[in-house]
Amino acid sequence: MESASELVAFPLLITPIESNYRACTIPYRFPSDNPRKPTPTELAWIDLFLNSIPSFKKRAESDSTVPDAPIKAEKFSQRYAEILEDFKKDPESHGGPPDCILLCRLRELILRELGFRDIFKKVKEEENAKAISLFENVVRINDAIEDEGKCLENLVRGIFAGNIFDLGSAQLAEVFSKDGMSFLASCQNLVPRPWVIDDLDAFKTKWSKSSWKKAIIFVDNSGADIILGILPFARELLKRGTQVVLAANDLPSINDVTYPELIEIMAKLKDDRGQLMGVDASNLLIANSGNDLPVIDLTRVSQELAFLASDADLVILEGMGRGIETNLYAQFKCDSLKIGMVKHPEVAQFLGGRLYDCVFKYNEVLSC
């Protein structure tokens, strides 16, 4: 499933990890709940995963790398639906009780067992090509903003706008397949501030006072998300003297960008002097996170990433899966930022916000 080497705990988590860290943000159940009876929250989330099956099945059917793809896609659909229905009868079946990590992992396991390695490969390639063609224009717009605070806010809006490209959300997968999405229009159409969690002003204050020496960014989706959202932001950090490590998935999962894909993207964006639109990119590193899901348990990362992260003073978790559904309340030994768009009604309800609301959660550690 993951990298061949043993996975380790992310070194910047507050210790002892056992009592300070819980990967999943939303508790599906509490100790007082009947272990044999699903809770209302479990049922709501099981239904969310059930509703996503048709869009996954559709992608799997058209995977030309898999012999008899339509037949195997149907098997995936039936098998995963059966497991989810089993959870409704007995939450402790299939390694339960379920949480968002287990529900994602079971879906990936079934796909891989049936021979589906990367059912979103084609759409990722198309979206990466589209976003690469827009990269220069997006960077020029950012560079033309003279006010430092306004430039930062524009970069942050770009991250949210890019993060809309998420085929793990049934509603967005539907919208995307019909109409596609315009990045610049999405930047303009974000829900107004204050967002459901909005620490942007505090982050702006820190940004204006000092820069970090090293930032680890757990990246999310291919296409506009990584290329038009994260990379212009990372480029700005590089300009300020920060070393940036982009941590990408080991194996494909939904339309998340993988480590090999990100290396390929960077090769296309950098010029022959190794610059990213006039900025030296020698301080931009790409790491394999060791992860193979759209969510992440930070007690299980690659040794390579753990080594690179040991002296970082800023951790950024981007996207709903890594920064909201998991790790929203994760505490670190250094400054941290969780940034993502709310794309499931269940998450909006938990946070007390709106669908497509934004989360910008910044925690500053004074002794960092």
Protein backbone atom coordinates (compact mmCIF):
# COMPACT_ATOMS: atom_id res chain seq x y z
CA MET A 1 0.00 0.00 0.00
CA GLU A 2 2.47 2.68 1.11
CA SER A 3 6.19 3.13 0.54
CA ALA A 4 8.30 0.05 1.09
CA SER A 5 10.20 1.71 3.94
CA GLU A 6 8.67 1.83 7.40
CA LEU A 7 6.42 4.78 8.19
CA VAL A 8 7.17 6.93 11.23
CA ALA A 9 5.51 9.70 13.25
CA PHE A 10 5.78 13.25 11.96
CA PRO A 11 8.50 14.74 14.22
CA LEU A 12 6.81 18.12 14.80
CA LEU A 13 3.70 16.72 16.49
CA ILE A 14 3.35 17.65 20.17
CA THR A 15 4.43 14.72 22.36
CA PRO A 16 3.39 12.42 23.87
CA ILE A 17 1.57 11.77 20.59
CA GLU A 18 -0.78 9.14 22.12
CA SER A 19 -2.47 11.70 24.37
CA ASN A 20 -2.09 14.81 22.16
CA TYR A 21 -2.91 13.66 18.64
CA ARG A 22 -6.04 12.30 17.04
CA ALA A 23 -5.99 12.22 13.24
CA CYS A 24 -9.75 12.36 12.56
CA THR A 25 -11.33 15.73 13.36
CA ILE A 26 -15.01 14.80 13.49
CA PRO A 27 -15.87 12.20 16.15
CA TYR A 28 -18.32 9.73 14.63
CA ARG A 29 -19.00 8.23 18.06
CA PHE A 30 -18.21 8.61 21.75
CA PRO A 31 -17.25 5.97 24.38
CA SER A 32 -20.79 6.10 25.79
CA ASP A 33 -22.33 5.07 22.43
CA ASN A 34 -23.55 1.52 21.91
CA PRO A 35 -20.70 -0.26 20.03
CA ARG A 36 -23.23 -2.42 18.14
CA LYS A 37 -25.44 0.44 16.96
CA PRO A 38 -24.40 3.06 14.42
CA THR A 39 -24.57 6.66 15.59
CA PRO A 40 -26.44 9.34 13.57
CA THR A 41 -23.04 10.82 12.60
CA GLU A 42 -21.76 7.45 11.38
CA LEU A 43 -24.90 6.96 9.31
CA ALA A 44 -24.57 10.43 7.74
CA TRP A 45 -20.95 9.79 6.76
CA ILE A 46 -21.63 6.27 5.49
CA ASP A 47 -24.32 7.80 3.25
CA LEU A 48 -21.84 10.43 2.03
CA PHE A 49 -19.44 7.66 0.95
CA LEU A 50 -22.34 5.69 -0.59
CA ASN A 51 -23.32 8.77 -2.61
CA SER A 52 -19.79 9.07 -3.99
CA ILE A 53 -19.79 5.53 -5.46
CA PRO A 54 -21.40 6.42 -8.85
CA SER A 55 -18.73 9.02 -9.69
CA PHE A 56 -15.92 6.58 -8.75
CA LYS A 57 -17.59 3.81 -10.73
CA LYS A 58 -17.86 6.08 -13.78
CA ARG A 59 -14.14 6.92 -13.63
CA ALA A 60 -13.23 3.25 -13.15
CA GLU A 61 -15.35 2.14 -16.12
CA SER A 62 -13.36 4.38 -18.45
CA ASP A 63 -9.92 3.27 -17.20
CA SER A 64 -8.41 1.89 -20.41
CA THR A 65 -5.41 0.41 -18.54
CA VAL A 66 -7.61 -2.19 -16.82
CA PRO A 67 -8.97 -5.18 -18.81
CA ASP A 68 -12.76 -5.56 -18.46
CA ALA A 69 -12.89 -2.21 -16.65
CA PRO A 70 -16.72 -1.87 -16.78
CA ILE A 71 -17.21 -5.33 -15.19
CA LYS A 72 -14.60 -4.61 -12.50
CA ALA A 73 -16.05 -1.15 -11.89
CA GLU A 74 -19.41 -2.77 -11.21
CA LYS A 75 -17.70 -5.19 -8.78
CA PHE A 76 -16.10 -2.23 -7.00
CA SER A 77 -19.48 -0.52 -6.74
CA GLN A 78 -21.20 -3.61 -5.31
CA ARG A 79 -18.39 -4.58 -2.93
CA TYR A 80 -17.89 -1.12 -1.47
CA ALA A 81 -21.65 -0.55 -1.10
CA GLU A 82 -21.97 -3.90 0.72
CA ILE A 83 -19.23 -2.94 3.19
CA LEU A 84 -20.87 0.43 3.86
CA GLU A 85 -24.25 -1.24 4.39
CA ASP A 86 -22.56 -3.72 6.77
CA PHE A 87 -21.36 -0.76 8.87
CA LYS A 88 -24.97 0.38 9.18
CA LYS A 89 -25.88 -3.00 10.70
CA ASP A 90 -22.71 -3.48 12.76
CA PRO A 91 -20.25 -0.57 13.20
CA GLU A 92 -17.58 -3.01 14.40
CA SER A 93 -17.52 -5.00 11.14
CA HIS A 94 -14.61 -4.59 8.67
CA GLY A 95 -12.20 -3.24 11.27
CA GLY A 96 -14.66 -0.60 12.50
CA PRO A 97 -16.09 1.45 14.02
CA PRO A 98 -15.70 3.57 10.89
CA ASP A 99 -13.98 6.94 10.67
CA CYS A 100 -12.98 8.96 7.61
CA ILE A 101 -9.58 7.23 7.37
CA LEU A 102 -11.05 3.71 7.44
CA LEU A 103 -13.81 4.58 4.94
CA CYS A 104 -11.24 6.04 2.51
CA ARG A 105 -8.82 3.15 3.02
CA LEU A 106 -11.45 0.47 2.29
CA ARG A 107 -12.46 2.24 -0.91
CA GLU A 108 -8.82 2.38 -2.10
CA LEU A 109 -8.20 -1.25 -1.10
CA ILE A 110 -11.12 -2.51 -3.20
CA LEU A 111 -10.09 -0.41 -6.23
CA ARG A 112 -6.50 -1.65 -6.03
CA GLU A 113 -7.48 -5.27 -5.50
CA LEU A 114 -9.52 -5.08 -8.71
CA GLY A 115 -6.52 -3.68 -10.61
CA PHE A 116 -7.48 0.02 -10.59
CA ARG A 117 -4.32 1.96 -9.81
CA ASP A 118 -5.24 5.49 -10.82
CA ILE A 119 -8.78 5.97 -12.14
CA PHE A 120 -8.39 9.78 -12.19
CA LYS A 121 -5.12 9.74 -14.19
CA LYS A 122 -6.62 11.12 -17.43
CA VAL A 123 -8.48 14.00 -15.81
CA LYS A 124 -5.41 14.86 -13.71
CA GLU A 125 -3.25 15.06 -16.83
CA GLU A 126 -5.82 17.28 -18.58
CA GLU A 127 -6.17 19.61 -15.59
CA ASN A 128 -2.40 19.82 -15.03
CA ALA A 129 -1.88 20.85 -18.68
CA LYS A 130 -4.65 23.45 -18.40
CA ALA A 131 -3.29 24.88 -15.14
CA ILE A 132 0.30 24.98 -16.42
CA SER A 133 -0.89 27.16 -19.34
CA LEU A 134 -2.46 29.61 -16.84
CA PHE A 135 0.41 29.66 -14.30
CA GLU A 136 2.31 32.61 -15.77
CA ASN A 137 -0.77 34.84 -15.87
CA VAL A 138 -1.76 33.99 -12.27
CA VAL A 139 1.76 34.77 -11.02
CA ARG A 140 1.87 38.07 -12.94
CA ILE A 141 -1.42 39.16 -11.35
CA ASN A 142 0.00 38.39 -7.89
CA ASP A 143 3.31 40.13 -8.61
CA ALA A 144 1.48 43.28 -9.75
CA ILE A 145 -0.10 43.77 -6.30
CA GLU A 146 2.20 46.16 -4.46
CA ASP A 147 0.54 46.09 -1.04
CA GLU A 148 2.04 43.13 0.89
CA GLY A 149 -1.13 42.33 2.82
CA LYS A 150 -3.33 42.46 -0.29
CA CYS A 151 -0.85 40.30 -2.20
CA LEU A 152 -0.93 37.68 0.59
CA GLU A 153 -4.73 37.71 0.67
CA ASN A 154 -4.82 37.24 -3.11
CA LEU A 155 -2.46 34.25 -2.81
CA VAL A 156 -4.66 32.74 -0.08
CA ARG A 157 -7.78 33.24 -2.21
CA GLY A 158 -5.92 31.45 -4.99
CA ILE A 159 -5.36 28.46 -2.71
CA PHE A 160 -9.08 28.29 -1.91
CA ALA A 161 -10.08 28.72 -5.55
CA GLY A 162 -7.68 25.97 -6.63
CA ASN A 163 -8.93 23.69 -3.88
CA ILE A 164 -12.39 23.61 -5.48
CA PHE A 165 -11.02 21.12 -8.04
CA ASP A 166 -11.86 18.10 -5.90
CA LEU A 167 -13.35 15.01 -7.49
CA GLY A 168 -13.80 13.36 -4.09
CA SER A 169 -16.87 15.54 -3.57
CA ALA A 170 -19.88 14.05 -5.37
CA GLN A 171 -21.44 17.49 -6.01
CA LEU A 172 -18.21 19.00 -7.35
CA ALA A 173 -17.44 15.95 -9.50
CA GLU A 174 -20.86 16.48 -11.11
CA VAL A 175 -20.34 20.21 -11.68
CA PHE A 176 -16.85 19.61 -13.00
CA SER A 177 -17.84 16.95 -15.53
CA LYS A 178 -20.58 19.26 -16.90
CA ASP A 179 -19.00 22.69 -16.99
CA GLY A 180 -15.37 22.60 -15.88
CA MET A 181 -14.29 25.40 -13.55
CA SER A 182 -12.73 28.80 -14.06
CA PHE A 183 -9.89 29.51 -11.63
CA LEU A 184 -10.01 33.31 -11.77
CA ALA A 185 -13.82 33.37 -11.49
CA SER A 186 -13.56 31.03 -8.47
CA CYS A 187 -11.13 33.49 -6.81
CA GLN A 188 -13.74 36.23 -7.13
CA ASN A 189 -16.68 34.09 -6.01
CA LEU A 190 -15.42 32.79 -2.65
CA VAL A 191 -17.80 33.22 0.28
CA PRO A 192 -17.13 36.60 1.92
CA ARG A 193 -15.01 36.94 5.04
CA PRO A 194 -15.12 36.30 7.90
CA TRP A 195 -14.82 32.63 6.98
CA VAL A 196 -15.95 29.86 9.33
CA ILE A 197 -12.40 29.77 10.77
CA ASP A 198 -10.58 32.97 9.83
CA ASP A 199 -7.10 33.65 11.25
CA LEU A 200 -5.90 35.43 8.12
CA ASP A 201 -5.31 38.75 9.89
CA ALA A 202 -3.11 37.09 12.53
CA PHE A 203 -1.18 35.30 9.76
CA LYS A 204 -0.78 38.61 7.87
CA THR A 205 0.71 40.18 11.00
CA LYS A 206 3.31 37.40 11.33
CA TRP A 207 3.96 37.53 7.55
CA SER A 208 4.72 41.26 7.74
CA LYS A 209 7.08 40.90 10.71
CA SER A 210 9.27 37.93 9.84
CA SER A 211 9.74 34.96 7.55
CA TRP A 212 10.06 31.29 8.39
CA LYS A 213 13.27 29.40 7.67
CA LYS A 214 11.57 26.21 6.44
CA ALA A 215 7.96 25.34 5.59
CA ILE A 216 6.49 21.87 5.06
CA ILE A 217 3.36 21.98 2.88
CA PHE A 218 1.15 18.87 2.67
CA VAL A 219 -0.38 19.38 -0.77
CA ASP A 220 -3.76 18.20 -2.03
CA ASN A 221 -5.22 18.04 -5.56
CA SER A 222 -3.71 18.08 -9.04
CA GLY A 223 -4.49 20.81 -11.54
CA ALA A 224 -5.45 24.29 -10.36
CA ASP A 225 -5.02 23.36 -6.68
CA ILE A 226 -1.30 22.62 -6.74
CA ILE A 227 -0.30 24.70 -9.79
CA LEU A 228 -2.38 27.88 -9.44
CA GLY A 229 -3.00 27.79 -5.68
CA ILE A 230 -0.06 26.31 -3.80
CA LEU A 231 2.85 27.01 -6.16
CA PRO A 232 2.36 30.82 -6.38
CA PHE A 233 2.16 30.84 -2.55
CA ALA A 234 5.27 28.64 -2.27
CA ARG A 235 7.07 30.94 -4.75
CA GLU A 236 6.28 33.91 -2.50
CA LEU A 237 7.76 32.05 0.48
CA LEU A 238 10.91 31.34 -1.59
CA LYS A 239 11.20 35.07 -2.40
CA ARG A 240 11.17 35.73 1.35
CA GLY A 241 14.06 33.31 1.97
CA THR A 242 11.99 30.34 3.22
CA GLN A 243 12.99 26.83 2.18
CA VAL A 244 9.83 25.03 1.04
CA VAL A 245 9.15 21.29 1.11
CA LEU A 246 6.09 20.11 -0.80
CA ALA A 247 4.91 16.76 0.60
CA ALA A 248 2.84 14.78 -1.90
CA ASN A 249 1.16 11.37 -1.82
CA ASP A 250 3.14 8.22 -2.51
CA LEU A 251 0.30 6.49 -4.37
CA PRO A 252 -2.69 7.86 -6.35
CA SER A 253 -5.93 8.55 -4.49
CA ILE A 254 -8.83 10.44 -6.11
CA ASN A 255 -7.32 13.42 -8.00
CA ASP A 256 -4.64 14.15 -5.39
CA VAL A 257 -1.25 14.97 -6.86
CA THR A 258 1.39 12.26 -6.34
CA TYR A 259 5.11 12.62 -5.74
CA PRO A 260 6.13 11.53 -9.29
CA GLU A 261 3.44 13.80 -10.81
CA LEU A 262 4.66 16.80 -8.82
CA ILE A 263 8.26 16.25 -9.97
CA GLU A 264 6.97 16.23 -13.56
CA ILE A 265 4.92 19.42 -13.01
CA MET A 266 7.91 21.26 -11.55
CA ALA A 267 10.12 20.22 -14.48
CA LYS A 268 7.58 21.83 -16.84
CA LEU A 269 7.22 25.04 -14.83
CA LYS A 270 10.90 25.77 -14.12
CA ASP A 271 13.04 27.41 -16.78
CA ASP A 272 16.44 26.16 -17.89
CA ARG A 273 18.10 28.13 -15.05
CA GLY A 274 15.94 26.34 -12.45
CA GLN A 275 13.83 29.42 -11.81
CA LEU A 276 10.10 29.63 -11.20
CA MET A 277 9.00 32.80 -13.01
CA GLY A 278 12.18 34.66 -12.06
CA VAL A 279 12.52 33.17 -8.57
CA ASP A 280 15.34 30.75 -7.71
CA ALA A 281 13.67 27.39 -7.03
CA SER A 282 16.74 25.56 -5.69
CA ASN A 283 15.22 25.90 -2.20
CA LEU A 284 12.01 24.18 -3.27
CA LEU A 285 12.09 20.48 -2.42
CA ILE A 286 9.57 17.77 -3.23
CA ALA A 287 9.08 14.93 -0.76
CA ASN A 288 7.15 11.68 -0.77
CA SER A 289 4.83 11.85 2.26
CA GLY A 290 4.38 8.05 2.34
CA ASN A 291 0.61 8.57 2.27
CA ASP A 292 -1.85 6.86 -0.09
CA LEU A 293 -5.19 8.42 0.92
CA PRO A 294 -6.97 11.79 0.49
CA VAL A 295 -6.76 12.17 4.30
CA ILE A 296 -3.61 11.71 6.39
CA ASP A 297 -2.65 10.20 9.74
CA LEU A 298 0.49 12.06 10.79
CA THR A 299 1.71 9.14 12.89
CA ARG A 300 2.44 7.45 9.53
CA VAL A 301 4.69 9.48 7.23
CA SER A 302 7.78 8.54 5.23
CA GLN A 303 11.19 8.60 6.87
CA GLU A 304 12.35 10.97 4.14
CA LEU A 305 9.67 13.52 5.06
CA ALA A 306 10.31 13.08 8.80
CA PHE A 307 14.01 13.85 8.21
CA LEU A 308 13.26 16.93 6.10
CA ALA A 309 10.68 18.21 8.60
CA SER A 310 12.78 17.95 11.74
CA ASP A 311 14.00 21.57 11.59
CA ALA A 312 10.94 23.20 9.97
CA ASP A 313 9.25 26.14 11.70
CA LEU A 314 6.01 26.18 9.68
CA VAL A 315 3.69 23.27 8.83
CA ILE A 316 0.87 23.79 6.33
CA LEU A 317 -1.87 21.20 5.76
CA GLU A 318 -3.86 22.09 2.67
CA GLY A 319 -7.22 20.78 1.51
CA MET A 320 -10.33 19.46 3.19
CA GLY A 321 -8.99 15.92 3.62
CA ARG A 322 -5.62 16.74 5.20
CA GLY A 323 -6.40 20.06 6.88
CA ILE A 324 -10.06 19.84 7.96
CA GLU A 325 -11.42 16.25 8.05
CA THR A 326 -8.10 15.17 9.53
CA ASN A 327 -5.65 17.31 11.51
CA LEU A 328 -7.76 20.44 12.05
CA TYR A 329 -6.96 20.24 15.76
CA ALA A 330 -3.46 18.74 15.41
CA GLN A 331 -0.93 20.58 17.58
CA PHE A 332 2.63 21.15 16.45
CA LYS A 333 5.89 22.25 18.04
CA CYS A 334 6.04 25.11 15.52
CA ASP A 335 3.70 27.48 13.69
CA SER A 336 0.98 25.73 11.71
CA LEU A 337 -1.63 26.57 9.13
CA LYS A 338 -4.65 24.49 8.12
CA ILE A 339 -6.23 25.82 4.95
CA GLY A 340 -9.03 24.34 2.87
CA MET A 341 -12.50 24.71 1.47
CA VAL A 342 -15.53 23.03 3.07
CA LYS A 343 -17.01 20.81 0.35
CA HIS A 344 -19.24 18.42 2.28
CA PRO A 345 -22.47 19.58 4.00
CA GLU A 346 -21.57 17.30 6.92
CA VAL A 347 -18.30 19.19 7.48
CA ALA A 348 -20.08 22.55 7.18
CA GLN A 349 -22.60 21.44 9.80
CA PHE A 350 -19.86 20.26 12.18
CA LEU A 351 -18.01 23.58 11.89
CA GLY A 352 -21.17 25.68 12.02
CA GLY A 353 -20.41 27.21 8.62
CA ARG A 354 -21.71 27.20 5.05
CA LEU A 355 -21.05 24.82 2.20
CA TYR A 356 -17.99 26.14 0.27
CA ASP A 357 -16.99 28.15 3.32
CA CYS A 358 -13.26 28.52 3.93
CA VAL A 359 -11.04 27.42 6.80
CA PHE A 360 -7.86 29.38 7.54
CA LYS A 361 -6.64 28.18 10.92
CA TYR A 362 -3.30 29.62 12.01
CA ASN A 363 -1.54 28.71 15.25
CA GLU A 364 1.60 30.56 16.25
CA VAL A 365 4.05 28.94 18.65
CA LEU A 366 6.04 31.66 20.37
CA SER A 367 8.96 29.40 21.30
CA CYS A 368 9.27 28.03 17.76
